[in-house]
Amino acid sequence: MSEEELRKFSQPHAEEPSKSFETGAARPQGSKQFRRVKHDVHGWVVLDKPVGMTSTHAVSVVKRLFQARRAGHAGTLDPLASGCLPIALGEATKTVPFVMDGRKSYRFTVCWGDERDTDDADGRTVSTSPQRPTRDEIEALLPRYTGTILQVPPQYSAVKIEGERAYDLARDGVAVALEARPVEIDRLAIVNVPDADHTEFVAECGKGTYVRSLARDIGRELGCLGHITALRRVEVGGFGENAMISLEQLTSMCHRAATGEGNLAEALLPVETALDDIPALAVSRADAARLQRGQAVLLRGRDAPIFRGTVYVTASSQLVALADVDRGEIVPKRVFNLTGLSGSRGLTKGH
């Protein structure tokens, strides 16, 4: 996405007549200032975030396009990074932790010989080295960075220190000592060596892993230093590339829906898409009503679940609640109210 296109998505739209995606009718403009009508919209947008946009800004753009009441994202992407940013709308926000805890996959490029204060290309050079690693030297080191490792987050990160974000302290010139913490890296491999200064990698890792820290630490251990120049997230918690949609595509779909030429549900994955890794349990309408009132339900006989733990409960194929099951008793933890626009299976989830 070009800088001009990014600015377009950043501009306020207060002077435009707002259209409802339900009727396509424009509201009268009494003045330049008006209150937008918000809608109940439930589901996931798997955004292919462009380089140069913050995750918070991306959420606000998507929320505005859908005129949604609530929105949030499942895992921050740096402005330098592109790719998979799952955005939850409405009741989908209640399922964000299940995506946040999922595995993540990245493709990234490291530039050798230059360490930056942000550990990526947006930062200031703090040290340089004339050394360049060979492919064999890098590959010999990679096993030390797989499995459970201790990793120090970047100085410019969202880690909280006494209530303050590390990146805010760093921008204010405050030097802080961040503690190493355990992270899981399932796979780290070289995919290409375009020249002596750059190496392209793929990584599959767990929650809390910083790819920028990998570049920094590997560069230091090799004695050549390094930082990230390109970073793309290709999967988060099972949401993959074949489920992604660009801002341009999403904007076009929203505009068509506003004129009655499309269905916005096709741009949304259902709320329960985030729950594919936990069991589903179907109940009757009567039991569903009890669960939605926050009351436990006891199932006996052949209807009694034979497992225990967390489930998502459905009635007539509609999501009802997240619940804990123990010896046939279903105790609701989060209930869902999916009145309004809900995602369809127009997009498929990537694995």
Protein backbone atom coordinates (compact mmCIF):
# COMPACT_ATOMS: atom_id res chain seq x y z
CA MET A 1 0.00 0.00 0.00
CA SER A 2 1.40 3.40 -0.98
CA GLU A 3 1.84 6.32 1.45
CA GLU A 4 -0.99 8.14 -0.36
CA GLU A 5 -3.34 5.19 0.16
CA LEU A 6 -2.38 4.97 3.84
CA ARG A 7 -3.19 8.66 4.24
CA LYS A 8 -6.57 8.03 2.61
CA PHE A 9 -7.45 5.49 5.29
CA SER A 10 -6.25 7.95 7.95
CA GLN A 11 -8.46 10.85 6.90
CA PRO A 12 -11.55 11.68 8.97
CA HIS A 13 -14.85 11.12 7.20
CA ALA A 14 -17.08 13.47 9.18
CA GLU A 15 -18.12 15.40 6.06
CA GLU A 16 -19.29 12.36 4.11
CA PRO A 17 -22.94 11.29 4.23
CA SER A 18 -23.04 8.04 6.17
CA LYS A 19 -24.90 5.14 4.60
CA SER A 20 -26.38 2.18 6.36
CA PHE A 21 -25.25 -1.21 5.07
CA GLU A 22 -28.75 -2.44 5.86
CA THR A 23 -30.70 -0.03 3.65
CA GLY A 24 -28.10 1.77 1.54
CA ALA A 25 -29.88 5.08 2.29
CA ALA A 26 -27.83 8.17 3.04
CA ARG A 27 -28.65 10.08 6.21
CA PRO A 28 -29.40 13.79 5.81
CA GLN A 29 -26.51 16.13 6.48
CA GLY A 30 -27.66 18.93 8.71
CA SER A 31 -24.06 19.97 9.34
CA LYS A 32 -20.54 18.73 9.05
CA GLN A 33 -20.73 17.20 12.50
CA PHE A 34 -23.01 14.23 13.10
CA ARG A 35 -23.11 11.09 15.16
CA ARG A 36 -22.56 7.88 13.27
CA VAL A 37 -25.09 5.14 13.80
CA LYS A 38 -23.38 2.09 15.30
CA HIS A 39 -24.44 -1.46 14.46
CA ASP A 40 -24.25 -4.83 16.16
CA VAL A 41 -21.68 -6.66 14.04
CA HIS A 42 -20.20 -9.98 15.17
CA GLY A 43 -17.34 -11.92 13.61
CA TRP A 44 -13.69 -11.89 12.57
CA VAL A 45 -11.95 -9.89 9.86
CA VAL A 46 -8.55 -11.37 9.07
CA LEU A 47 -6.88 -8.24 7.79
CA ASP A 48 -3.78 -8.27 5.62
CA LYS A 49 -2.31 -5.27 7.42
CA PRO A 50 -0.17 -3.04 5.21
CA VAL A 51 3.30 -1.80 6.14
CA GLY A 52 3.22 1.62 7.79
CA MET A 53 -0.05 1.23 9.70
CA THR A 54 -0.31 0.59 13.43
CA SER A 55 -2.51 -2.24 14.66
CA THR A 56 -4.65 0.22 16.64
CA HIS A 57 -5.23 2.34 13.55
CA ALA A 58 -6.12 -0.76 11.52
CA VAL A 59 -8.76 -1.71 14.09
CA SER A 60 -10.26 1.78 14.02
CA VAL A 61 -10.47 1.73 10.20
CA VAL A 62 -12.21 -1.67 10.15
CA LYS A 63 -14.54 -0.65 12.96
CA ARG A 64 -15.51 2.48 11.01
CA LEU A 65 -16.06 0.55 7.78
CA PHE A 66 -18.51 -1.79 9.51
CA GLN A 67 -19.94 0.97 11.74
CA ALA A 68 -19.47 -1.57 14.53
CA ARG A 69 -20.00 -0.92 18.22
CA ARG A 70 -16.99 -2.90 19.46
CA ALA A 71 -13.71 -4.07 17.98
CA GLY A 72 -10.30 -5.37 19.06
CA HIS A 73 -7.35 -7.28 17.65
CA ALA A 74 -5.64 -10.54 18.52
CA GLY A 75 -1.93 -9.73 18.66
CA THR A 76 -0.16 -6.47 17.82
CA LEU A 77 1.79 -6.10 14.59
CA ASP A 78 4.51 -3.44 14.41
CA PRO A 79 4.01 -0.66 11.82
CA LEU A 80 6.98 -2.11 9.89
CA ALA A 81 5.26 -5.50 9.68
CA SER A 82 2.58 -6.64 7.27
CA GLY A 83 0.23 -9.59 7.20
CA CYS A 84 -2.19 -11.42 9.42
CA LEU A 85 -4.01 -9.19 11.92
CA PRO A 86 -7.21 -10.90 13.17
CA ILE A 87 -9.73 -8.22 14.14
CA ALA A 88 -12.68 -9.17 16.34
CA LEU A 89 -15.98 -7.32 16.00
CA GLY A 90 -18.79 -7.38 18.54
CA GLU A 91 -19.20 -10.67 20.39
CA ALA A 92 -16.05 -12.03 18.72
CA THR A 93 -14.06 -9.89 21.18
CA LYS A 94 -14.98 -12.46 23.85
CA THR A 95 -12.97 -15.10 21.95
CA VAL A 96 -9.78 -13.04 21.46
CA PRO A 97 -7.77 -14.95 24.13
CA PHE A 98 -8.17 -18.20 22.19
CA VAL A 99 -6.47 -16.60 19.18
CA MET A 100 -3.84 -14.75 21.24
CA ASP A 101 -2.74 -18.03 22.79
CA GLY A 102 -2.38 -19.74 19.40
CA ARG A 103 0.78 -20.35 17.40
CA LYS A 104 2.13 -17.68 15.06
CA SER A 105 4.14 -17.94 11.86
CA TYR A 106 6.39 -15.26 10.37
CA ARG A 107 8.58 -14.63 7.36
CA PHE A 108 11.30 -12.06 7.97
CA THR A 109 14.54 -10.63 6.62
CA VAL A 110 17.58 -9.76 8.74
CA CYS A 111 20.18 -7.20 7.65
CA TRP A 112 23.61 -8.01 9.08
CA GLY A 113 26.26 -5.55 10.21
CA ASP A 114 23.93 -2.95 11.76
CA GLU A 115 22.15 -3.03 15.13
CA ARG A 116 19.30 -0.56 15.73
CA ASP A 117 17.78 0.70 18.98
CA THR A 118 14.36 -0.60 17.89
CA ASP A 119 15.84 -3.85 16.47
CA ASP A 120 14.21 -3.02 13.12
CA ALA A 121 14.73 -0.66 10.18
CA ASP A 122 12.72 2.14 11.79
CA GLY A 123 15.33 2.64 14.49
CA ARG A 124 18.60 4.47 14.97
CA THR A 125 21.90 2.68 14.40
CA VAL A 126 23.65 2.01 17.72
CA SER A 127 26.48 -0.25 16.55
CA THR A 128 27.96 -1.65 13.33
CA SER A 129 30.20 -4.54 12.33
CA PRO A 130 32.14 -5.36 9.14
CA GLN A 131 31.61 -9.08 9.70
CA ARG A 132 29.10 -11.06 7.65
CA PRO A 133 27.96 -14.60 8.55
CA THR A 134 27.97 -17.55 6.19
CA ARG A 135 24.87 -19.66 5.77
CA ASP A 136 26.58 -22.55 7.54
CA GLU A 137 27.45 -20.36 10.53
CA ILE A 138 23.85 -19.19 10.86
CA GLU A 139 22.36 -22.67 10.50
CA ALA A 140 24.75 -24.05 13.13
CA LEU A 141 23.37 -21.50 15.58
CA LEU A 142 19.63 -21.92 14.93
CA PRO A 143 19.11 -25.01 17.16
CA ARG A 144 19.98 -22.79 20.15
CA TYR A 145 16.98 -20.64 19.26
CA THR A 146 14.38 -23.40 19.01
CA GLY A 147 12.35 -25.03 21.75
CA THR A 148 11.93 -23.12 25.02
CA ILE A 149 14.40 -20.26 25.21
CA LEU A 150 14.88 -17.18 27.38
CA GLN A 151 14.35 -13.97 25.43
CA VAL A 152 14.74 -10.31 26.38
CA PRO A 153 12.02 -8.17 24.69
CA PRO A 154 13.08 -5.18 22.60
CA GLN A 155 13.45 -1.81 24.34
CA TYR A 156 10.69 -0.59 22.02
CA SER A 157 7.99 -3.09 22.95
CA ALA A 158 4.58 -3.14 24.62
CA VAL A 159 5.94 -4.79 27.77
CA LYS A 160 4.77 -2.94 30.89
CA ILE A 161 7.25 -1.66 33.47
CA GLU A 162 5.60 -0.32 36.62
CA GLY A 163 2.51 0.53 34.60
CA GLU A 164 4.38 2.17 31.71
CA ARG A 165 4.90 0.70 28.25
CA ALA A 166 8.55 0.04 27.43
CA TYR A 167 8.29 1.90 24.13
CA ASP A 168 7.00 5.04 25.89
CA LEU A 169 9.94 4.96 28.30
CA ALA A 170 12.38 4.37 25.43
CA ARG A 171 10.97 7.33 23.47
CA ASP A 172 11.47 9.49 26.57
CA GLY A 173 15.11 8.41 26.72
CA VAL A 174 14.68 6.27 29.83
CA ALA A 175 16.98 3.23 29.83
CA VAL A 176 15.33 0.20 31.41
CA ALA A 177 16.56 -3.33 32.00
CA LEU A 178 13.95 -5.72 30.63
CA GLU A 179 13.95 -9.19 32.14
CA ALA A 180 14.38 -12.30 30.01
CA ARG A 181 11.33 -14.52 29.85
CA PRO A 182 10.65 -17.97 28.43
CA VAL A 183 9.17 -18.25 24.94
CA GLU A 184 8.45 -21.20 22.67
CA ILE A 185 9.92 -21.41 19.16
CA ASP A 186 8.82 -24.49 17.25
CA ARG A 187 10.69 -23.80 14.03
CA LEU A 188 13.35 -21.37 12.84
CA ALA A 189 14.87 -21.90 9.40
CA ILE A 190 16.60 -20.08 6.56
CA VAL A 191 14.53 -19.82 3.38
CA ASN A 192 16.81 -17.62 1.27
CA VAL A 193 20.17 -15.81 1.26
CA PRO A 194 19.82 -13.11 -1.42
CA ASP A 195 23.23 -11.58 -0.66
CA ALA A 196 25.93 -11.42 2.01
CA ASP A 197 24.12 -8.64 3.89
CA HIS A 198 20.70 -10.26 4.16
CA THR A 199 19.14 -13.57 5.20
CA GLU A 200 15.46 -14.51 4.97
CA PHE A 201 13.93 -16.75 7.65
CA VAL A 202 10.69 -18.45 8.59
CA ALA A 203 9.69 -18.82 12.25
CA GLU A 204 6.84 -20.61 14.03
CA CYS A 205 6.47 -19.59 17.64
CA GLY A 206 4.21 -19.13 20.63
CA LYS A 207 2.70 -16.19 22.46
CA GLY A 208 5.06 -13.41 23.54
CA THR A 209 7.91 -14.17 21.11
CA TYR A 210 9.59 -11.13 19.54
CA VAL A 211 11.08 -11.77 16.10
CA ARG A 212 13.04 -8.53 16.42
CA SER A 213 14.76 -9.97 19.49
CA LEU A 214 15.72 -13.06 17.47
CA ALA A 215 17.45 -10.89 14.88
CA ARG A 216 19.24 -8.90 17.59
CA ASP A 217 20.39 -11.93 19.61
CA ILE A 218 21.49 -14.04 16.64
CA GLY A 219 23.42 -11.08 15.23
CA ARG A 220 25.18 -10.53 18.53
CA GLU A 221 26.08 -14.19 18.96
CA LEU A 222 27.44 -14.37 15.41
CA GLY A 223 29.47 -11.23 16.09
CA CYS A 224 28.03 -9.44 13.06
CA LEU A 225 25.01 -7.67 14.63
CA GLY A 226 21.68 -7.38 12.85
CA HIS A 227 18.17 -5.99 12.65
CA ILE A 228 14.86 -6.74 10.93
CA THR A 229 14.25 -5.05 7.58
CA ALA A 230 11.07 -6.90 6.56
CA LEU A 231 8.53 -8.82 8.63
CA ARG A 232 5.34 -10.54 7.55
CA ARG A 233 3.03 -12.55 9.81
CA VAL A 234 1.43 -15.35 7.83
CA GLU A 235 -0.62 -17.11 10.51
CA VAL A 236 -2.12 -16.42 13.95
CA GLY A 237 -3.92 -19.11 15.90
CA GLY A 238 -4.99 -20.89 12.71
CA PHE A 239 -6.04 -17.76 10.81
CA GLY A 240 -3.86 -17.99 7.71
CA GLU A 241 -3.14 -16.29 4.40
CA ASN A 242 -6.12 -17.76 2.54
CA ALA A 243 -8.45 -16.03 5.02
CA MET A 244 -6.80 -12.61 4.76
CA ILE A 245 -8.44 -9.63 3.12
CA SER A 246 -6.77 -6.34 2.20
CA LEU A 247 -8.06 -2.94 3.26
CA GLU A 248 -8.79 -2.13 -0.39
CA GLN A 249 -10.90 -5.29 -0.80
CA LEU A 250 -12.70 -4.71 2.48
CA THR A 251 -13.43 -1.08 1.66
CA SER A 252 -14.84 -2.07 -1.72
CA MET A 253 -17.08 -4.74 -0.14
CA CYS A 254 -18.38 -2.26 2.45
CA HIS A 255 -19.16 0.33 -0.21
CA ARG A 256 -21.01 -2.24 -2.34
CA ALA A 257 -22.98 -3.40 0.70
CA ALA A 258 -23.93 0.19 1.49
CA THR A 259 -25.61 0.45 -1.92
CA GLY A 260 -27.32 -2.91 -1.61
CA GLU A 261 -24.96 -4.68 -4.03
CA GLY A 262 -23.34 -7.05 -1.55
CA ASN A 263 -23.54 -8.76 1.80
CA LEU A 264 -21.08 -7.73 4.49
CA ALA A 265 -21.47 -11.08 6.24
CA GLU A 266 -19.28 -12.52 3.48
CA ALA A 267 -16.38 -10.37 4.69
CA LEU A 268 -16.67 -11.82 8.20
CA LEU A 269 -15.72 -15.18 9.61
CA PRO A 270 -18.13 -16.46 12.28
CA VAL A 271 -17.37 -15.77 15.93
CA GLU A 272 -16.82 -19.47 16.63
CA THR A 273 -14.02 -19.70 14.03
CA ALA A 274 -11.65 -18.74 16.84
CA LEU A 275 -12.84 -21.75 18.86
CA ASP A 276 -11.98 -24.53 16.43
CA ASP A 277 -9.43 -26.03 18.83
CA ILE A 278 -11.92 -26.66 21.63
CA PRO A 279 -14.86 -29.13 21.64
CA ALA A 280 -18.36 -28.06 20.61
CA LEU A 281 -21.42 -29.20 22.53
CA ALA A 282 -24.97 -28.96 21.18
CA VAL A 283 -27.87 -28.42 23.60
CA SER A 284 -31.61 -27.86 23.33
CA ARG A 285 -33.19 -24.43 22.98
CA ALA A 286 -34.49 -24.68 26.56
CA ASP A 287 -31.02 -25.45 27.94
CA ALA A 288 -29.53 -22.70 25.79
CA ALA A 289 -31.92 -20.18 27.33
CA ARG A 290 -30.83 -21.20 30.82
CA LEU A 291 -27.16 -20.86 29.91
CA GLN A 292 -27.73 -17.41 28.43
CA ARG A 293 -29.26 -16.35 31.73
CA GLY A 294 -26.03 -17.45 33.43
CA GLN A 295 -27.56 -20.61 34.91
CA ALA A 296 -25.81 -23.99 34.91
CA VAL A 297 -27.32 -26.94 33.06
CA LEU A 298 -27.03 -30.59 34.12
CA LEU A 299 -27.17 -33.18 31.33
CA ARG A 300 -27.81 -36.81 32.19
CA GLY A 301 -28.03 -40.10 30.34
CA ARG A 302 -26.94 -40.32 26.72
CA ASP A 303 -26.92 -36.52 26.40
CA ALA A 304 -24.31 -36.13 29.14
CA PRO A 305 -20.88 -35.07 27.80
CA ILE A 306 -18.17 -37.66 28.42
CA PHE A 307 -15.36 -35.08 28.65
CA ARG A 308 -14.51 -32.26 31.01
CA GLY A 309 -13.00 -28.85 30.44
CA THR A 310 -13.83 -25.86 28.27
CA VAL A 311 -16.40 -26.18 25.47
CA TYR A 312 -18.35 -23.88 23.25
CA VAL A 313 -22.06 -24.53 23.36
CA THR A 314 -24.43 -24.28 20.40
CA ALA A 315 -28.19 -24.57 19.91
CA SER A 316 -29.58 -25.07 16.40
CA SER A 317 -26.04 -24.44 15.08
CA GLN A 318 -25.87 -20.99 16.74
CA LEU A 319 -23.18 -20.11 19.28
CA VAL A 320 -24.62 -19.78 22.78
CA ALA A 321 -21.83 -19.74 25.34
CA LEU A 322 -18.33 -20.65 26.41
CA ALA A 323 -18.65 -23.02 29.35
CA ASP A 324 -16.85 -25.41 31.65
CA VAL A 325 -18.04 -29.02 31.79
CA ASP A 326 -17.55 -31.35 34.75
CA ARG A 327 -19.48 -34.59 35.34
CA GLY A 328 -22.32 -33.57 33.08
CA GLU A 329 -22.76 -30.07 34.50
CA ILE A 330 -22.34 -27.17 32.07
CA VAL A 331 -21.37 -23.91 33.76
CA PRO A 332 -21.45 -20.84 31.47
CA LYS A 333 -18.43 -18.52 31.59
CA ARG A 334 -19.17 -16.18 28.66
CA VAL A 335 -22.55 -15.96 26.93
CA PHE A 336 -23.12 -14.62 23.42
CA ASN A 337 -25.85 -12.45 21.97
CA LEU A 338 -25.53 -12.60 18.19
CA THR A 339 -28.43 -10.32 17.26
CA GLY A 340 -27.47 -8.14 14.32
CA LEU A 341 -25.02 -8.94 11.52
CA SER A 342 -22.96 -12.10 12.02
CA GLY A 343 -20.20 -13.61 9.92
CA SER A 344 -20.97 -16.31 7.37
CA ARG A 345 -18.70 -18.97 5.93
CA GLY A 346 -17.95 -16.78 2.94
CA LEU A 347 -14.27 -16.96 3.82
CA THR A 348 -12.50 -20.08 4.95
CA LYS A 349 -10.01 -20.28 7.74
CA GLY A 350 -6.40 -20.96 6.82
CA HIS A 351 -4.41 -23.76 8.44
